[in-house]
Amino acid sequence: MNYRVEFTPKSDSQMLKLRAFDQRRITVGIRDQLLAEPDVGTKNRKCLGYNVTTAFEFIPPLWELRIGSCRVFYEVDVSAQLVTIHSVLLKSGNLTTQEILDEDNTG
């Protein structure tokens, strides 16, 4: 069964700031990775757990999808078959996931 994907206003504005190439790549990655079984870990998708500090509110657990140098942070509502995209960020350097989220908190 396919999940619906919704972007929050914040993630929408973050997507619009990216290059068209990155926007297409992320859109394809979301379609390929999150429409079926978004709550199953893979090579590019992992559960960050319950104790993550973010600039946005979410219902734990929080998930991360890696698409090249971009990171998509999302939550899954299994009963509603809904994936909510909270943040789309570029990963720079050798930052950890929490450091990327902390940069989002300040930026």
PDB file of N, CA and C in Angstrom:
ATOM      1  N   MET A   1       0.842  -1.183   0.000  1.00  0.00           N
ATOM      2  CA  MET A   1       0.000   0.000   0.000  1.00  0.00           C
ATOM      3  C   MET A   1       0.890   1.250   0.000  1.00  0.00           C
ATOM      4  N   ASN A   2       0.549   2.202  -0.826  1.00  0.00           N
ATOM      5  CA  ASN A   2       1.326   3.431  -0.923  1.00  0.00           C
ATOM      6  C   ASN A   2       0.946   4.444   0.153  1.00  0.00           C
ATOM      7  N   TYR A   3       1.944   5.118   0.661  1.00  0.00           N
ATOM      8  CA  TYR A   3       1.758   6.193   1.618  1.00  0.00           C
ATOM      9  C   TYR A   3       1.590   7.509   0.866  1.00  0.00           C
ATOM     10  N   ARG A   4       0.882   8.443   1.466  1.00  0.00           N
ATOM     11  CA  ARG A   4       0.819   9.814   0.959  1.00  0.00           C
ATOM     12  C   ARG A   4       1.998  10.558   1.558  1.00  0.00           C
ATOM     13  N   VAL A   5       2.523  11.528   0.831  1.00  0.00           N
ATOM     14  CA  VAL A   5       3.634  12.342   1.313  1.00  0.00           C
ATOM     15  C   VAL A   5       3.175  13.790   1.358  1.00  0.00           C
ATOM     16  N   GLU A   6       3.376  14.430   2.501  1.00  0.00           N
ATOM     17  CA  GLU A   6       3.051  15.847   2.661  1.00  0.00           C
ATOM     18  C   GLU A   6       4.289  16.589   3.133  1.00  0.00           C
ATOM     19  N   PHE A   7       4.499  17.769   2.567  1.00  0.00           N
ATOM     20  CA  PHE A   7       5.588  18.641   2.975  1.00  0.00           C
ATOM     21  C   PHE A   7       5.040  19.695   3.925  1.00  0.00           C
ATOM     22  N   THR A   8       5.778  19.997   4.972  1.00  0.00           N
ATOM     23  CA  THR A   8       5.412  21.122   5.835  1.00  0.00           C
ATOM     24  C   THR A   8       5.812  22.406   5.103  1.00  0.00           C
ATOM     25  N   PRO A   9       5.264  23.553   5.503  1.00  0.00           N
ATOM     26  CA  PRO A   9       5.674  24.816   4.863  1.00  0.00           C
ATOM     27  C   PRO A   9       7.185  25.039   4.934  1.00  0.00           C
ATOM     28  N   LYS A  10       7.799  24.667   6.049  1.00  0.00           N
ATOM     29  CA  LYS A  10       9.249  24.836   6.202  1.00  0.00           C
ATOM     30  C   LYS A  10      10.006  23.988   5.181  1.00  0.00           C
ATOM     31  N   SER A  11       9.648  22.722   5.064  1.00  0.00           N
ATOM     32  CA  SER A  11      10.356  21.850   4.122  1.00  0.00           C
ATOM     33  C   SER A  11      10.108  22.282   2.680  1.00  0.00           C
ATOM     34  N   ASP A  12       8.913  22.795   2.421  1.00  0.00           N
ATOM     35  CA  ASP A  12       8.590  23.317   1.095  1.00  0.00           C
ATOM     36  C   ASP A  12       9.516  24.477   0.730  1.00  0.00           C
ATOM     37  N   SER A  13       9.691  25.406   1.660  1.00  0.00           N
ATOM     38  CA  SER A  13      10.554  26.561   1.379  1.00  0.00           C
ATOM     39  C   SER A  13      12.015  26.129   1.274  1.00  0.00           C
ATOM     40  N   GLN A  14      12.427  25.126   2.038  1.00  0.00           N
ATOM     41  CA  GLN A  14      13.790  24.617   1.934  1.00  0.00           C
ATOM     42  C   GLN A  14      14.029  23.989   0.562  1.00  0.00           C
ATOM     43  N   MET A  15      13.045  23.267   0.055  1.00  0.00           N
ATOM     44  CA  MET A  15      13.168  22.655  -1.273  1.00  0.00           C
ATOM     45  C   MET A  15      13.324  23.728  -2.347  1.00  0.00           C
ATOM     46  N   LEU A  16      12.552  24.793  -2.235  1.00  0.00           N
ATOM     47  CA  LEU A  16      12.595  25.852  -3.248  1.00  0.00           C
ATOM     48  C   LEU A  16      13.932  26.571  -3.294  1.00  0.00           C
ATOM     49  N   LYS A  17      14.697  26.527  -2.212  1.00  0.00           N
ATOM     50  CA  LYS A  17      16.011  27.172  -2.168  1.00  0.00           C
ATOM     51  C   LYS A  17      17.104  26.328  -2.827  1.00  0.00           C
ATOM     52  N   LEU A  18      16.806  25.065  -3.097  1.00  0.00           N
ATOM     53  CA  LEU A  18      17.789  24.168  -3.695  1.00  0.00           C
ATOM     54  C   LEU A  18      17.832  24.326  -5.216  1.00  0.00           C
ATOM     55  N   ARG A  19      18.951  23.900  -5.797  1.00  0.00           N
ATOM     56  CA  ARG A  19      19.070  23.894  -7.257  1.00  0.00           C
ATOM     57  C   ARG A  19      18.013  22.961  -7.844  1.00  0.00           C
ATOM     58  N   ALA A  20      17.608  23.228  -9.071  1.00  0.00           N
ATOM     59  CA  ALA A  20      16.603  22.401  -9.746  1.00  0.00           C
ATOM     60  C   ALA A  20      17.056  20.939  -9.806  1.00  0.00           C
ATOM     61  N   PHE A  21      18.345  20.706 -10.039  1.00  0.00           N
ATOM     62  CA  PHE A  21      18.879  19.346 -10.074  1.00  0.00           C
ATOM     63  C   PHE A  21      18.613  18.625  -8.754  1.00  0.00           C
ATOM     64  N   ASP A  22      18.920  19.309  -7.637  1.00  0.00           N
ATOM     65  CA  ASP A  22      18.714  18.702  -6.319  1.00  0.00           C
ATOM     66  C   ASP A  22      17.233  18.490  -6.034  1.00  0.00           C
ATOM     67  N   GLN A  23      16.398  19.430  -6.447  1.00  0.00           N
ATOM     68  CA  GLN A  23      14.952  19.281  -6.245  1.00  0.00           C
ATOM     69  C   GLN A  23      14.430  18.027  -6.946  1.00  0.00           C
ATOM     70  N   ARG A  24      14.854  17.830  -8.199  1.00  0.00           N
ATOM     71  CA  ARG A  24      14.422  16.634  -8.943  1.00  0.00           C
ATOM     72  C   ARG A  24      14.944  15.364  -8.283  1.00  0.00           C
ATOM     73  N   ARG A  25      16.194  15.395  -7.886  1.00  0.00           N
ATOM     74  CA  ARG A  25      16.809  14.225  -7.255  1.00  0.00           C
ATOM     75  C   ARG A  25      16.082  13.853  -5.959  1.00  0.00           C
ATOM     76  N   ILE A  26      15.738  14.848  -5.163  1.00  0.00           N
ATOM     77  CA  ILE A  26      15.021  14.607  -3.909  1.00  0.00           C
ATOM     78  C   ILE A  26      13.617  14.084  -4.183  1.00  0.00           C
ATOM     79  N   THR A  27      12.944  14.684  -5.148  1.00  0.00           N
ATOM     80  CA  THR A  27      11.586  14.247  -5.498  1.00  0.00           C
ATOM     81  C   THR A  27      11.587  12.782  -5.931  1.00  0.00           C
ATOM     82  N   VAL A  28      12.530  12.407  -6.762  1.00  0.00           N
ATOM     83  CA  VAL A  28      12.642  11.017  -7.210  1.00  0.00           C
ATOM     84  C   VAL A  28      12.994  10.113  -6.024  1.00  0.00           C
ATOM     85  N   GLY A  29      13.910  10.555  -5.172  1.00  0.00           N
ATOM     86  CA  GLY A  29      14.289   9.764  -4.004  1.00  0.00           C
ATOM     87  C   GLY A  29      13.122   9.529  -3.061  1.00  0.00           C
ATOM     88  N   ILE A  30      12.332  10.568  -2.839  1.00  0.00           N
ATOM     89  CA  ILE A  30      11.153  10.421  -1.982  1.00  0.00           C
ATOM     90  C   ILE A  30      10.172   9.448  -2.611  1.00  0.00           C
ATOM     91  N   ARG A  31       9.934   9.596  -3.905  1.00  0.00           N
ATOM     92  CA  ARG A  31       9.009   8.688  -4.590  1.00  0.00           C
ATOM     93  C   ARG A  31       9.493   7.243  -4.500  1.00  0.00           C
ATOM     94  N   ASP A  32      10.791   7.035  -4.744  1.00  0.00           N
ATOM     95  CA  ASP A  32      11.330   5.675  -4.747  1.00  0.00           C
ATOM     96  C   ASP A  32      11.468   5.065  -3.357  1.00  0.00           C
ATOM     97  N   GLN A  33      11.741   5.889  -2.343  1.00  0.00           N
ATOM     98  CA  GLN A  33      12.075   5.383  -1.017  1.00  0.00           C
ATOM     99  C   GLN A  33      10.949   5.454   0.018  1.00  0.00           C
ATOM    100  N   LEU A  34      10.006   6.390  -0.143  1.00  0.00           N
ATOM    101  CA  LEU A  34       9.066   6.629   0.954  1.00  0.00           C
ATOM    102  C   LEU A  34       7.607   6.277   0.664  1.00  0.00           C
ATOM    103  N   LEU A  35       7.271   5.902  -0.549  1.00  0.00           N
ATOM    104  CA  LEU A  35       5.875   5.583  -0.836  1.00  0.00           C
ATOM    105  C   LEU A  35       5.465   4.214  -0.316  1.00  0.00           C
ATOM    106  N   ALA A  36       6.408   3.310  -0.199  1.00  0.00           N
ATOM    107  CA  ALA A  36       6.129   1.971   0.332  1.00  0.00           C
ATOM    108  C   ALA A  36       7.134   1.686   1.451  1.00  0.00           C
ATOM    109  N   GLU A  37       6.650   1.310   2.598  1.00  0.00           N
ATOM    110  CA  GLU A  37       7.474   0.957   3.757  1.00  0.00           C
ATOM    111  C   GLU A  37       8.468   2.047   4.168  1.00  0.00           C
ATOM    112  N   PRO A  38       8.000   3.266   4.410  1.00  0.00           N
ATOM    113  CA  PRO A  38       8.906   4.345   4.805  1.00  0.00           C
ATOM    114  C   PRO A  38       9.481   4.166   6.210  1.00  0.00           C
ATOM    115  N   ASP A  39       8.921   3.240   6.968  1.00  0.00           N
ATOM    116  CA  ASP A  39       9.374   3.013   8.336  1.00  0.00           C
ATOM    117  C   ASP A  39      10.230   1.752   8.468  1.00  0.00           C
ATOM    118  N   VAL A  40      10.856   1.355   7.362  1.00  0.00           N
ATOM    119  CA  VAL A  40      11.769   0.216   7.358  1.00  0.00           C
ATOM    120  C   VAL A  40      13.154   0.739   7.000  1.00  0.00           C
ATOM    121  N   GLY A  41      14.129   0.447   7.837  1.00  0.00           N
ATOM    122  CA  GLY A  41      15.483   0.915   7.593  1.00  0.00           C
ATOM    123  C   GLY A  41      16.103   0.280   6.358  1.00  0.00           C
ATOM    124  N   THR A  42      16.876   1.083   5.630  1.00  0.00           N
ATOM    125  CA  THR A  42      17.612   0.615   4.460  1.00  0.00           C
ATOM    126  C   THR A  42      19.001   1.249   4.492  1.00  0.00           C
ATOM    127  N   LYS A  43      19.755   1.068   3.434  1.00  0.00           N
ATOM    128  CA  LYS A  43      21.080   1.674   3.325  1.00  0.00           C
ATOM    129  C   LYS A  43      20.990   3.207   3.399  1.00  0.00           C
ATOM    130  N   ASN A  44      19.952   3.791   2.823  1.00  0.00           N
ATOM    131  CA  ASN A  44      19.813   5.248   2.757  1.00  0.00           C
ATOM    132  C   ASN A  44      18.743   5.811   3.690  1.00  0.00           C
ATOM    133  N   ARG A  45      18.139   4.962   4.487  1.00  0.00           N
ATOM    134  CA  ARG A  45      17.020   5.400   5.330  1.00  0.00           C
ATOM    135  C   ARG A  45      17.217   4.819   6.724  1.00  0.00           C
ATOM    136  N   LYS A  46      17.170   5.707   7.744  1.00  0.00           N
ATOM    137  CA  LYS A  46      17.347   5.185   9.103  1.00  0.00           C
ATOM    138  C   LYS A  46      16.458   5.932  10.089  1.00  0.00           C
ATOM    139  N   CYS A  47      16.133   5.209  11.142  1.00  0.00           N
ATOM    140  CA  CYS A  47      15.360   5.780  12.236  1.00  0.00           C
ATOM    141  C   CYS A  47      16.326   6.477  13.186  1.00  0.00           C
ATOM    142  N   LEU A  48      16.054   7.753  13.458  1.00  0.00           N
ATOM    143  CA  LEU A  48      16.912   8.509  14.370  1.00  0.00           C
ATOM    144  C   LEU A  48      16.483   8.337  15.820  1.00  0.00           C
ATOM    145  N   GLY A  49      15.301   7.806  16.010  1.00  0.00           N
ATOM    146  CA  GLY A  49      14.843   7.534  17.360  1.00  0.00           C
ATOM    147  C   GLY A  49      13.945   8.604  17.936  1.00  0.00           C
ATOM    148  N   TYR A  50      13.929   8.652  19.257  1.00  0.00           N
ATOM    149  CA  TYR A  50      12.972   9.473  19.986  1.00  0.00           C
ATOM    150  C   TYR A  50      13.602  10.695  20.635  1.00  0.00           C
ATOM    151  N   ASN A  51      14.884  10.681  20.874  1.00  0.00           N
ATOM    152  CA  ASN A  51      15.543  11.760  21.622  1.00  0.00           C
ATOM    153  C   ASN A  51      16.389  12.644  20.708  1.00  0.00           C
ATOM    154  N   VAL A  52      15.769  13.170  19.666  1.00  0.00           N
ATOM    155  CA  VAL A  52      16.454  14.020  18.703  1.00  0.00           C
ATOM    156  C   VAL A  52      15.995  15.451  18.924  1.00  0.00           C
ATOM    157  N   THR A  53      16.937  16.391  18.915  1.00  0.00           N
ATOM    158  CA  THR A  53      16.616  17.808  19.063  1.00  0.00           C
ATOM    159  C   THR A  53      16.461  18.422  17.685  1.00  0.00           C
ATOM    160  N   THR A  54      15.315  19.065  17.429  1.00  0.00           N
ATOM    161  CA  THR A  54      15.060  19.658  16.117  1.00  0.00           C
ATOM    162  C   THR A  54      14.433  21.036  16.263  1.00  0.00           C
ATOM    163  N   ALA A  55      14.421  21.786  15.165  1.00  0.00           N
ATOM    164  CA  ALA A  55      13.767  23.092  15.126  1.00  0.00           C
ATOM    165  C   ALA A  55      12.272  22.937  14.839  1.00  0.00           C
ATOM    166  N   PHE A  56      11.829  21.744  14.578  1.00  0.00           N
ATOM    167  CA  PHE A  56      10.419  21.493  14.256  1.00  0.00           C
ATOM    168  C   PHE A  56       9.851  20.458  15.213  1.00  0.00           C
ATOM    169  N   GLU A  57       8.541  20.484  15.354  1.00  0.00           N
ATOM    170  CA  GLU A  57       7.875  19.488  16.194  1.00  0.00           C
ATOM    171  C   GLU A  57       7.524  18.276  15.343  1.00  0.00           C
ATOM    172  N   PHE A  58       7.630  17.109  15.946  1.00  0.00           N
ATOM    173  CA  PHE A  58       7.279  15.873  15.257  1.00  0.00           C
ATOM    174  C   PHE A  58       6.815  14.858  16.282  1.00  0.00           C
ATOM    175  N   ILE A  59       6.114  13.859  15.791  1.00  0.00           N
ATOM    176  CA  ILE A  59       5.698  12.758  16.640  1.00  0.00           C
ATOM    177  C   ILE A  59       6.739  11.661  16.466  1.00  0.00           C
ATOM    178  N   PRO A  60       7.502  11.351  17.525  1.00  0.00           N
ATOM    179  CA  PRO A  60       8.586  10.377  17.409  1.00  0.00           C
ATOM    180  C   PRO A  60       8.095   9.022  16.919  1.00  0.00           C
ATOM    181  N   PRO A  61       8.961   8.274  16.282  1.00  0.00           N
ATOM    182  CA  PRO A  61      10.369   8.558  16.019  1.00  0.00           C
ATOM    183  C   PRO A  61      10.555   9.398  14.760  1.00  0.00           C
ATOM    184  N   LEU A  62      11.707  10.009  14.650  1.00  0.00           N
ATOM    185  CA  LEU A  62      12.077  10.781  13.466  1.00  0.00           C
ATOM    186  C   LEU A  62      12.939   9.899  12.566  1.00  0.00           C
ATOM    187  N   TRP A  63      12.722  10.027  11.261  1.00  0.00           N
ATOM    188  CA  TRP A  63      13.474   9.259  10.276  1.00  0.00           C
ATOM    189  C   TRP A  63      14.305  10.184   9.406  1.00  0.00           C
ATOM    190  N   GLU A  64      15.393   9.650   8.851  1.00  0.00           N
ATOM    191  CA  GLU A  64      16.262  10.394   7.945  1.00  0.00           C
ATOM    192  C   GLU A  64      16.431   9.599   6.653  1.00  0.00           C
ATOM    193  N   LEU A  65      16.254  10.293   5.524  1.00  0.00           N
ATOM    194  CA  LEU A  65      16.506   9.712   4.216  1.00  0.00           C
ATOM    195  C   LEU A  65      17.694  10.442   3.605  1.00  0.00           C
ATOM    196  N   ARG A  66      18.704   9.688   3.208  1.00  0.00           N
ATOM    197  CA  ARG A  66      19.898  10.258   2.590  1.00  0.00           C
ATOM    198  C   ARG A  66      19.755  10.174   1.075  1.00  0.00           C
ATOM    199  N   ILE A  67      19.867  11.343   0.428  1.00  0.00           N
ATOM    200  CA  ILE A  67      19.826  11.414  -1.028  1.00  0.00           C
ATOM    201  C   ILE A  67      21.020  12.258  -1.455  1.00  0.00           C
ATOM    202  N   GLY A  68      22.110  11.598  -1.813  1.00  0.00           N
ATOM    203  CA  GLY A  68      23.334  12.327  -2.137  1.00  0.00           C
ATOM    204  C   GLY A  68      23.786  13.128  -0.928  1.00  0.00           C
ATOM    205  N   SER A  69      24.014  14.438  -1.133  1.00  0.00           N
ATOM    206  CA  SER A  69      24.429  15.299  -0.018  1.00  0.00           C
ATOM    207  C   SER A  69      23.235  15.939   0.688  1.00  0.00           C
ATOM    208  N   CYS A  70      22.027  15.528   0.336  1.00  0.00           N
ATOM    209  CA  CYS A  70      20.820  16.068   0.973  1.00  0.00           C
ATOM    210  C   CYS A  70      20.295  15.085   2.010  1.00  0.00           C
ATOM    211  N   ARG A  71      19.681  15.648   3.035  1.00  0.00           N
ATOM    212  CA  ARG A  71      19.051  14.835   4.072  1.00  0.00           C
ATOM    213  C   ARG A  71      17.596  15.264   4.198  1.00  0.00           C
ATOM    214  N   VAL A  72      16.698  14.284   4.171  1.00  0.00           N
ATOM    215  CA  VAL A  72      15.264  14.526   4.313  1.00  0.00           C
ATOM    216  C   VAL A  72      14.856  13.947   5.654  1.00  0.00           C
ATOM    217  N   PHE A  73      14.290  14.788   6.525  1.00  0.00           N
ATOM    218  CA  PHE A  73      13.854  14.356   7.853  1.00  0.00           C
ATOM    219  C   PHE A  73      12.335  14.279   7.855  1.00  0.00           C
ATOM    220  N   TYR A  74      11.822  13.133   8.293  1.00  0.00           N
ATOM    221  CA  TYR A  74      10.382  12.896   8.179  1.00  0.00           C
ATOM    222  C   TYR A  74       9.870  12.036   9.320  1.00  0.00           C
ATOM    223  N   GLU A  75       8.543  12.063   9.470  1.00  0.00           N
ATOM    224  CA  GLU A  75       7.877  11.164  10.409  1.00  0.00           C
ATOM    225  C   GLU A  75       6.852  10.348   9.644  1.00  0.00           C
ATOM    226  N   VAL A  76       6.485   9.208  10.208  1.00  0.00           N
ATOM    227  CA  VAL A  76       5.557   8.288   9.567  1.00  0.00           C
ATOM    228  C   VAL A  76       4.354   8.066  10.470  1.00  0.00           C
ATOM    229  N   ASP A  77       3.162   8.245   9.904  1.00  0.00           N
ATOM    230  CA  ASP A  77       1.917   7.900  10.590  1.00  0.00           C
ATOM    231  C   ASP A  77       1.361   6.673   9.881  1.00  0.00           C
ATOM    232  N   VAL A  78       1.618   5.500  10.445  1.00  0.00           N
ATOM    233  CA  VAL A  78       1.240   4.244   9.814  1.00  0.00           C
ATOM    234  C   VAL A  78      -0.277   4.133   9.676  1.00  0.00           C
ATOM    235  N   SER A  79      -1.014   4.511  10.716  1.00  0.00           N
ATOM    236  CA  SER A  79      -2.473   4.364  10.672  1.00  0.00           C
ATOM    237  C   SER A  79      -3.113   5.243   9.598  1.00  0.00           C
ATOM    238  N   ALA A  80      -2.544   6.406   9.329  1.00  0.00           N
ATOM    239  CA  ALA A  80      -3.072   7.305   8.299  1.00  0.00           C
ATOM    240  C   ALA A  80      -2.371   7.103   6.955  1.00  0.00           C
ATOM    241  N   GLN A  81      -1.372   6.203   6.919  1.00  0.00           N
ATOM    242  CA  GLN A  81      -0.587   5.971   5.701  1.00  0.00           C
ATOM    243  C   GLN A  81      -0.021   7.287   5.168  1.00  0.00           C
ATOM    244  N   LEU A  82       0.609   8.061   6.086  1.00  0.00           N
ATOM    245  CA  LEU A  82       1.080   9.403   5.770  1.00  0.00           C
ATOM    246  C   LEU A  82       2.538   9.581   6.181  1.00  0.00           C
ATOM    247  N   VAL A  83       3.326  10.143   5.276  1.00  0.00           N
ATOM    248  CA  VAL A  83       4.702  10.542   5.560  1.00  0.00           C
ATOM    249  C   VAL A  83       4.717  12.068   5.552  1.00  0.00           C
ATOM    250  N   THR A  84       5.188  12.673   6.640  1.00  0.00           N
ATOM    251  CA  THR A  84       5.292  14.122   6.728  1.00  0.00           C
ATOM    252  C   THR A  84       6.759  14.513   6.651  1.00  0.00           C
ATOM    253  N   ILE A  85       7.095  15.273   5.612  1.00  0.00           N
ATOM    254  CA  ILE A  85       8.464  15.752   5.432  1.00  0.00           C
ATOM    255  C   ILE A  85       8.600  17.044   6.226  1.00  0.00           C
ATOM    256  N   HIS A  86       9.502  17.055   7.214  1.00  0.00           N
ATOM    257  CA  HIS A  86       9.679  18.227   8.074  1.00  0.00           C
ATOM    258  C   HIS A  86      10.817  19.129   7.636  1.00  0.00           C
ATOM    259  N   SER A  87      11.866  18.546   7.084  1.00  0.00           N
ATOM    260  CA  SER A  87      13.034  19.348   6.754  1.00  0.00           C
ATOM    261  C   SER A  87      13.825  18.685   5.633  1.00  0.00           C
ATOM    262  N   VAL A  88      14.349  19.520   4.730  1.00  0.00           N
ATOM    263  CA  VAL A  88      15.209  19.061   3.643  1.00  0.00           C
ATOM    264  C   VAL A  88      16.464  19.920   3.706  1.00  0.00           C
ATOM    265  N   LEU A  89      17.589  19.308   4.067  1.00  0.00           N
ATOM    266  CA  LEU A  89      18.817  20.066   4.310  1.00  0.00           C
ATOM    267  C   LEU A  89      19.985  19.496   3.521  1.00  0.00           C
ATOM    268  N   LEU A  90      20.903  20.374   3.159  1.00  0.00           N
ATOM    269  CA  LEU A  90      22.150  19.941   2.551  1.00  0.00           C
ATOM    270  C   LEU A  90      23.141  19.620   3.658  1.00  0.00           C
ATOM    271  N   LYS A  91      23.855  18.519   3.498  1.00  0.00           N
ATOM    272  CA  LYS A  91      24.875  18.137   4.467  1.00  0.00           C
ATOM    273  C   LYS A  91      26.201  18.688   3.978  1.00  0.00           C
ATOM    274  N   SER A  92      26.840  19.473   4.804  1.00  0.00           N
ATOM    275  CA  SER A  92      28.136  20.018   4.421  1.00  0.00           C
ATOM    276  C   SER A  92      29.225  19.419   5.305  1.00  0.00           C
ATOM    277  N   GLY A  93      30.342  19.111   4.692  1.00  0.00           N
ATOM    278  CA  GLY A  93      31.477  18.589   5.450  1.00  0.00           C
ATOM    279  C   GLY A  93      31.203  17.253   6.106  1.00  0.00           C
ATOM    280  N   ASN A  94      31.846  17.060   7.234  1.00  0.00           N
ATOM    281  CA  ASN A  94      31.737  15.804   7.978  1.00  0.00           C
ATOM    282  C   ASN A  94      30.825  15.951   9.190  1.00  0.00           C
ATOM    283  N   LEU A  95      29.738  16.678   9.034  1.00  0.00           N
ATOM    284  CA  LEU A  95      28.825  16.902  10.150  1.00  0.00           C
ATOM    285  C   LEU A  95      28.033  15.644  10.463  1.00  0.00           C
ATOM    286  N   THR A  96      27.718  15.472  11.739  1.00  0.00           N
ATOM    287  CA  THR A  96      26.835  14.387  12.147  1.00  0.00           C
ATOM    288  C   THR A  96      25.395  14.811  11.875  1.00  0.00           C
ATOM    289  N   THR A  97      24.490  13.869  11.959  1.00  0.00           N
ATOM    290  CA  THR A  97      23.076  14.176  11.765  1.00  0.00           C
ATOM    291  C   THR A  97      22.605  15.214  12.779  1.00  0.00           C
ATOM    292  N   GLN A  98      22.983  15.063  14.045  1.00  0.00           N
ATOM    293  CA  GLN A  98      22.554  16.028  15.058  1.00  0.00           C
ATOM    294  C   GLN A  98      23.133  17.407  14.772  1.00  0.00           C
ATOM    295  N   GLU A  99      24.359  17.480  14.280  1.00  0.00           N
ATOM    296  CA  GLU A  99      24.960  18.781  13.940  1.00  0.00           C
ATOM    297  C   GLU A  99      24.213  19.447  12.782  1.00  0.00           C
ATOM    298  N   ILE A 100      23.750  18.650  11.817  1.00  0.00           N
ATOM    299  CA  ILE A 100      22.954  19.198  10.711  1.00  0.00           C
ATOM    300  C   ILE A 100      21.651  19.772  11.263  1.00  0.00           C
ATOM    301  N   LEU A 101      21.011  19.026  12.151  1.00  0.00           N
ATOM    302  CA  LEU A 101      19.767  19.505  12.753  1.00  0.00           C
ATOM    303  C   LEU A 101      20.004  20.721  13.622  1.00  0.00           C
ATOM    304  N   ASP A 102      21.143  20.773  14.332  1.00  0.00           N
ATOM    305  CA  ASP A 102      21.471  21.937  15.155  1.00  0.00           C
ATOM    306  C   ASP A 102      21.690  23.163  14.292  1.00  0.00           C
ATOM    307  N   GLU A 103      22.345  23.018  13.129  1.00  0.00           N
ATOM    308  CA  GLU A 103      22.506  24.139  12.202  1.00  0.00           C
ATOM    309  C   GLU A 103      21.157  24.662  11.748  1.00  0.00           C
ATOM    310  N   ASP A 104      20.224  23.738  11.518  1.00  0.00           N
ATOM    311  CA  ASP A 104      18.861  24.116  11.126  1.00  0.00           C
ATOM    312  C   ASP A 104      18.176  24.890  12.237  1.00  0.00           C
ATOM    313  N   ASN A 105      18.480  24.562  13.499  1.00  0.00           N
ATOM    314  CA  ASN A 105      17.913  25.277  14.641  1.00  0.00           C
ATOM    315  C   ASN A 105      18.380  26.737  14.674  1.00  0.00           C
ATOM    316  N   THR A 106      19.620  26.982  14.248  1.00  0.00           N
ATOM    317  CA  THR A 106      20.178  28.338  14.323  1.00  0.00           C
ATOM    318  C   THR A 106      19.998  29.104  13.025  1.00  0.00           C
ATOM    319  N   GLY A 107      19.794  28.400  11.920  1.00  0.00           N
ATOM    320  CA  GLY A 107      19.733  29.061  10.624  1.00  0.00           C
ATOM    321  C   GLY A 107      18.409  29.185  10.122  1.00  0.00           C
TER     322      GLY A 107
END
